[in-house]
Protein backbone atom coordinates (compact mmCIF):
# COMPACT_ATOMS: atom_id res chain seq x y z
CA MET A 1 -80.66 -69.06 86.80
CA ALA A 2 -77.23 -67.92 85.69
CA PHE A 3 -74.49 -70.50 85.05
CA ILE A 4 -71.05 -69.14 85.91
CA LEU A 5 -68.18 -71.53 85.20
CA GLY A 6 -64.53 -71.27 86.11
CA THR A 7 -61.36 -72.80 84.72
CA SER A 8 -58.63 -75.06 86.10
CA GLY A 9 -56.69 -71.94 87.09
CA ASN A 10 -57.22 -69.33 89.81
CA ASP A 11 -60.70 -67.87 89.28
CA LEU A 12 -62.86 -65.05 90.61
CA LEU A 13 -66.51 -65.96 90.20
CA LEU A 14 -69.17 -63.38 91.05
CA GLY A 15 -72.85 -64.22 91.12
CA THR A 16 -75.78 -62.14 89.97
CA PRO A 17 -78.62 -60.76 92.13
CA GLY A 18 -80.61 -63.87 91.19
CA ASP A 19 -80.13 -67.62 91.74
CA ASP A 20 -76.77 -68.76 90.38
CA TYR A 21 -74.90 -71.98 89.65
CA LEU A 22 -71.18 -71.44 90.21
CA GLY A 23 -69.02 -74.28 88.92
CA ASP A 24 -65.26 -74.51 88.98
CA GLY A 25 -62.89 -76.35 86.70
CA GLY A 26 -61.42 -78.55 89.40
CA GLY A 27 -58.24 -76.69 90.23
CA GLY A 28 -56.69 -73.43 91.28
CA VAL A 29 -57.25 -71.16 94.24
CA ASP A 30 -60.63 -69.56 93.69
CA THR A 31 -62.65 -66.73 95.15
CA ILE A 32 -66.39 -67.34 94.93
CA ASP A 33 -69.12 -64.82 95.82
CA GLY A 34 -72.64 -65.92 95.06
CA GLY A 35 -74.14 -62.51 95.75
CA ALA A 36 -77.85 -62.31 96.41
CA GLY A 37 -80.28 -65.10 95.61
CA ASN A 38 -80.19 -68.83 96.28
CA ASP A 39 -76.78 -69.87 94.94
CA GLN A 40 -75.11 -73.24 94.49
CA TRP A 41 -71.36 -73.94 94.22
CA ARG A 42 -70.02 -77.15 92.74
CA ASP A 43 -66.44 -78.37 92.41
CA ASP A 44 -64.53 -81.57 91.70
CA LEU A 45 -61.28 -81.64 93.68
CA THR A 46 -60.40 -85.29 93.22
CA SER A 47 -56.86 -84.32 92.20
CA ASN A 48 -56.23 -82.63 95.57
CA ALA A 49 -54.87 -84.54 98.59
CA ASP A 50 -55.84 -84.21 102.25
CA LEU A 51 -58.24 -81.29 101.99
CA THR A 52 -59.95 -79.48 104.84
CA PHE A 53 -63.27 -77.80 104.05
CA SER A 54 -64.68 -75.55 106.76
CA GLN A 55 -67.85 -73.52 107.03
CA THR A 56 -67.10 -70.24 108.79
CA GLY A 57 -70.60 -68.75 108.66
CA GLY A 58 -74.05 -69.24 107.20
CA GLY A 59 -72.96 -69.03 103.56
CA SER A 60 -69.19 -68.75 103.96
CA TYR A 61 -66.62 -71.52 103.52
CA VAL A 62 -62.87 -71.90 103.21
CA LEU A 63 -60.76 -74.72 101.78
CA SER A 64 -57.25 -75.58 102.87
CA ASN A 65 -56.02 -74.96 99.31
CA GLY A 66 -56.93 -71.27 99.73
CA THR A 67 -60.29 -71.21 97.98
CA THR A 68 -62.98 -69.09 99.70
CA LEU A 69 -66.75 -69.00 99.30
CA THR A 70 -69.21 -66.33 100.41
CA ASN A 71 -72.95 -65.97 99.94
CA VAL A 72 -73.33 -69.61 98.89
CA GLU A 73 -76.47 -71.41 100.03
CA SER A 74 -75.74 -74.94 98.75
CA VAL A 75 -72.52 -76.88 98.18
CA ASN A 76 -71.78 -79.89 95.97
CA LEU A 77 -68.19 -81.02 96.54
CA THR A 78 -66.26 -84.11 95.45
CA THR A 79 -62.80 -84.82 96.84
CA GLY A 80 -60.18 -87.47 96.12
CA SER A 81 -58.25 -90.30 97.74
CA GLY A 82 -56.64 -88.26 100.52
CA ASP A 83 -57.69 -88.03 104.15
CA ASP A 84 -60.19 -85.17 104.03
CA THR A 85 -61.92 -83.28 106.82
CA PHE A 86 -65.21 -81.39 106.58
CA ASN A 87 -66.22 -78.94 109.32
CA VAL A 88 -69.72 -77.66 108.63
CA MET A 89 -72.70 -76.02 110.28
CA LEU A 90 -76.26 -75.99 109.05
CA PRO A 91 -76.30 -74.90 105.41
CA LEU A 92 -78.82 -72.38 104.18
CA GLY A 93 -79.93 -74.99 101.63
CA SER A 94 -78.71 -78.51 100.85
CA ASP A 95 -75.09 -79.65 100.90
CA PHE A 96 -73.75 -82.75 99.14
CA ILE A 97 -70.27 -84.12 99.82
CA ASP A 98 -68.53 -87.11 98.26
CA ALA A 99 -65.28 -87.59 100.16
CA GLY A 100 -63.87 -90.31 97.92
CA ALA A 101 -61.35 -92.81 99.22
CA GLY A 102 -59.16 -92.21 102.28
CA ASN A 103 -59.84 -91.88 105.99
CA ASN A 104 -62.33 -89.02 105.93
CA ALA A 105 -64.02 -87.17 108.78
CA ILE A 106 -67.02 -84.86 109.03
CA ASN A 107 -67.88 -82.63 111.98
CA ILE A 108 -71.36 -81.09 111.93
CA ASN A 109 -72.48 -78.40 114.35
CA ALA A 110 -76.26 -78.23 114.01
CA SER A 111 -76.84 -76.75 117.48
CA SER A 112 -78.63 -73.76 115.93
CA ALA A 113 -81.35 -75.95 114.40
CA SER A 114 -84.79 -74.33 114.60
CA ALA A 115 -86.63 -77.66 114.45
CA ALA A 116 -86.11 -81.33 115.24
CA THR A 117 -83.10 -82.88 113.51
CA SER A 118 -82.95 -86.35 111.95
CA VAL A 119 -79.56 -87.99 111.44
CA SER A 120 -78.80 -91.34 109.80
CA TYR A 121 -75.36 -92.86 109.34
CA ASP A 122 -74.61 -96.16 107.62
CA SER A 123 -70.92 -96.93 108.06
CA ILE A 124 -71.01 -100.09 105.94
CA ALA A 125 -69.09 -99.22 102.75
CA PRO A 126 -69.85 -97.12 100.89
CA SER A 127 -70.79 -95.14 103.98
CA ILE A 128 -73.44 -92.43 103.87
CA LEU A 129 -74.46 -89.75 106.36
CA SER A 130 -77.70 -87.81 106.06
CA LEU A 131 -78.87 -84.92 108.24
CA SER A 132 -82.06 -82.95 107.83
CA VAL A 133 -83.81 -80.23 109.82
CA GLY A 134 -87.53 -80.00 109.20
CA LEU A 135 -88.14 -79.11 105.56
CA GLY A 136 -85.13 -76.80 105.38
CA SER A 137 -81.42 -77.54 105.71
CA SER A 138 -79.91 -80.88 104.79
CA ILE A 139 -76.48 -82.46 104.47
CA THR A 140 -75.60 -85.66 102.62
CA ALA A 141 -72.06 -87.02 102.83
CA TYR A 142 -70.63 -90.17 101.24
CA SER A 143 -67.47 -92.06 102.23
CA VAL A 144 -66.96 -90.53 105.67
CA ASN A 145 -65.42 -92.91 108.22
CA ASN A 146 -65.50 -90.68 111.29
CA ILE A 147 -68.47 -88.50 112.18
CA SER A 148 -69.20 -85.97 114.90
CA VAL A 149 -72.68 -84.45 115.06
CA THR A 150 -74.11 -81.95 117.55
CA THR A 151 -77.79 -81.04 117.34
CA GLY A 152 -79.98 -78.46 119.06
CA ALA A 153 -82.73 -78.03 121.62
CA PHE A 154 -85.45 -80.14 119.98
CA ASP A 155 -86.33 -83.84 120.16
CA ASP A 156 -83.86 -85.36 117.72
CA ASN A 157 -83.56 -88.85 116.24
CA PHE A 158 -80.37 -90.69 115.30
CA VAL A 159 -80.09 -93.92 113.30
CA ILE A 160 -76.68 -95.58 113.05
CA VAL A 161 -76.02 -98.77 111.10
CA GLY A 162 -72.50 -100.07 111.26
CA GLY A 163 -69.84 -102.65 110.98
CA GLN A 164 -66.17 -102.69 111.86
CA GLY A 165 -64.32 -99.42 111.39
CA ARG A 166 -67.19 -97.18 112.46
CA HIS A 167 -66.48 -94.18 114.65
CA PHE A 168 -69.07 -91.66 115.74
CA ALA A 169 -69.59 -89.00 118.38
CA ILE A 170 -73.21 -87.92 118.77
CA ASP A 171 -74.39 -85.05 120.97
CA GLY A 172 -78.16 -84.62 120.99
CA GLY A 173 -78.05 -81.24 122.73
CA GLY A 174 -81.30 -80.41 124.52
CA GLY A 175 -84.63 -82.11 124.07
CA ALA A 176 -85.71 -85.74 124.47
CA ASN A 177 -83.36 -87.51 122.08
CA TYR A 178 -83.44 -91.08 120.80
CA ALA A 179 -80.81 -93.25 119.10
CA HIS A 180 -81.34 -96.47 117.13
CA LEU A 181 -78.11 -98.43 116.61
CA ASP A 182 -77.96 -101.53 114.44
CA PHE A 183 -74.66 -103.44 114.63
CA SER A 184 -76.19 -106.80 113.67
CA ALA A 185 -73.80 -107.19 110.72
CA ASP A 186 -70.75 -106.97 112.98
CA ALA A 187 -69.14 -109.88 114.84
CA THR A 188 -67.09 -107.51 117.00
CA PRO A 189 -68.22 -107.52 120.68
CA VAL A 190 -70.20 -104.46 121.77
CA ASP A 191 -69.74 -103.20 125.33
CA PHE A 192 -71.97 -100.24 126.15
CA THR A 193 -73.68 -98.66 129.15
CA LEU A 194 -76.08 -95.77 128.60
CA ASN A 195 -75.87 -92.84 130.98
CA SER A 196 -79.01 -90.92 130.07
CA ALA A 197 -78.45 -87.99 132.44
CA PRO A 198 -78.28 -84.63 130.60
CA GLY A 199 -74.71 -83.67 129.74
CA SER A 200 -73.34 -87.17 130.30
CA ILE A 201 -71.24 -89.08 127.75
CA SER A 202 -71.66 -92.83 127.17
CA TYR A 203 -68.79 -94.63 125.44
CA PHE A 204 -68.62 -97.85 123.46
CA ALA A 205 -65.74 -99.63 125.17
CA GLY A 206 -62.81 -100.32 122.88
CA ASP A 207 -64.45 -98.52 119.98
CA GLY A 208 -64.11 -94.85 120.92
CA SER A 209 -67.59 -94.00 119.69
CA SER A 210 -69.88 -92.12 122.05
CA LEU A 211 -73.37 -90.80 122.74
CA LYS A 212 -74.05 -87.61 124.69
CA ASN A 213 -77.43 -86.19 125.72
CA ILE A 214 -79.28 -89.29 124.50
CA GLY A 215 -82.13 -90.32 126.78
CA ARG A 216 -83.27 -93.54 125.16
CA VAL A 217 -81.68 -96.15 122.89
CA GLU A 218 -82.55 -99.15 120.77
CA ILE A 219 -79.48 -101.31 120.14
CA LYS A 220 -79.18 -104.46 118.05
CA THR A 221 -75.88 -106.39 118.03
CA GLY A 222 -74.37 -109.24 116.04
CA SER A 223 -72.64 -112.51 116.83
CA GLY A 224 -70.04 -111.19 119.29
CA ASP A 225 -70.06 -111.55 123.08
CA ASP A 226 -71.88 -108.36 123.99
CA GLN A 227 -72.58 -106.43 127.19
CA LEU A 228 -75.42 -103.90 127.08
CA THR A 229 -76.88 -101.81 129.90
CA GLY A 230 -79.77 -99.41 129.42
CA GLY A 231 -80.36 -96.05 131.06
CA ASP A 232 -83.12 -94.41 133.09
CA GLN A 233 -85.79 -94.56 130.38
CA SER A 234 -87.41 -97.30 128.33
CA ASP A 235 -84.75 -98.91 126.14
CA ALA A 236 -84.76 -101.81 123.67
CA LEU A 237 -81.67 -104.06 123.78
CA GLU A 238 -81.35 -106.95 121.34
CA VAL A 239 -78.29 -109.22 121.20
CA GLY A 240 -77.16 -111.90 118.78
CA THR A 241 -75.84 -115.43 119.12
CA GLY A 242 -72.84 -114.84 121.38
CA HIS A 243 -72.42 -115.09 125.16
CA ASN A 244 -74.13 -111.89 126.19
CA VAL A 245 -74.96 -109.85 129.29
CA LEU A 246 -78.09 -107.68 129.23
CA ASN A 247 -79.23 -105.21 131.90
CA GLY A 248 -82.21 -103.00 131.20
CA GLY A 249 -81.44 -100.42 133.90
CA ALA A 250 -84.37 -98.28 134.97
CA GLY A 251 -87.51 -97.80 132.89
CA ASP A 252 -89.77 -100.26 131.11
CA ASP A 253 -87.36 -102.08 128.81
CA TRP A 254 -87.61 -104.61 125.98
CA LEU A 255 -84.81 -107.20 126.02
CA VAL A 256 -84.22 -109.78 123.28
CA GLY A 257 -81.70 -112.63 123.37
CA ARG A 258 -80.55 -115.29 120.90
CA GLY A 259 -77.36 -116.55 122.49
CA VAL A 260 -76.17 -117.82 125.85
CA ASP A 261 -77.34 -114.81 127.84
CA THR A 262 -77.43 -113.42 131.35
CA VAL A 263 -80.39 -111.06 131.59
CA ASP A 264 -81.36 -108.59 134.32
CA GLY A 265 -84.31 -106.37 133.54
CA GLY A 266 -83.42 -103.87 136.26
CA THR A 267 -86.17 -101.75 137.73
CA GLY A 268 -89.42 -101.06 135.92
CA ASN A 269 -91.87 -103.29 134.06
CA ASP A 270 -89.54 -105.14 131.69
CA ALA A 271 -90.15 -107.73 128.98
CA TRP A 272 -87.77 -110.40 127.68
CA SER A 273 -88.03 -112.30 124.42
CA GLY A 274 -85.87 -115.33 123.66
CA ASP A 275 -85.53 -116.14 119.97
CA TYR A 276 -84.11 -119.66 119.63
CA GLY A 277 -86.10 -120.74 116.61
CA THR A 278 -82.98 -121.86 114.73
CA SER A 279 -81.62 -123.93 117.64
CA THR A 280 -81.35 -127.71 117.09
CA ALA A 281 -80.59 -128.49 120.76
CA ASN A 282 -83.16 -129.53 123.36
CA LEU A 283 -84.08 -126.52 125.47
CA THR A 284 -85.60 -126.38 128.95
CA PHE A 285 -87.07 -123.11 130.26
CA THR A 286 -87.63 -122.99 134.04
CA GLN A 287 -88.93 -120.17 136.21
CA THR A 288 -86.99 -120.30 139.48
CA SER A 289 -88.88 -117.55 141.34
CA ALA A 290 -91.71 -115.10 140.94
CA SER A 291 -90.84 -111.79 139.35
CA SER A 292 -90.26 -108.94 141.77
């Protein structure tokens, strides 16, 4: 592997026919061409403010400071305290982004994925987003507050763990897609109804986050007063210690309550679990009619 290093000025870095490591000095307006082979570009732009980094093709990228990359298979980029935006597709290898401080956003278009995609996003600081497709492409991004991810035609899985300040827009594309959302660390009320019809968008009321083309969900909430409604398939809805409303919708659902709850299983063969093991009050559980 050849190591080709730039300076803090304006550089032209040209790779060899083999696998290259192209590193810049952290400044300037650079032109990078990895050439043939499996090439990696790395740069530290912590001194730059409010950067936009966009992937324009398989191995081509452009930065808002004028830097351009071509024939680069993997990216390792660190930015600073500004509000940065990253617009990327599936890399040819593995991308790593550390967005630093600021209100940062990443938009990933993985609709061309040739296999099932797995996405995980933990918005609890320091936030981390991971996306992988089979044993090939992957993206890891730290310190991104707002995420938008679109995946392809396969059966994709999404895991989102969050607290206050999260914002996400997920589009599962085709396939039978599943989302697991854990907001148990958040006292903010969650109000969500899943519309599992293809092409439909389901919003988290008051939050702005959304799910599209997601057929089935598992949601766990915290101590707020939550309202959750499932979709047409078998969902799992678990609420915390607030005053909550649960509706399973269609499908065979699993509903779990810990607060003062109003529960409707909807249609299907549904199960409810009440977890009041920490309660010190006297409880009475009465069946008022046979299940229908």
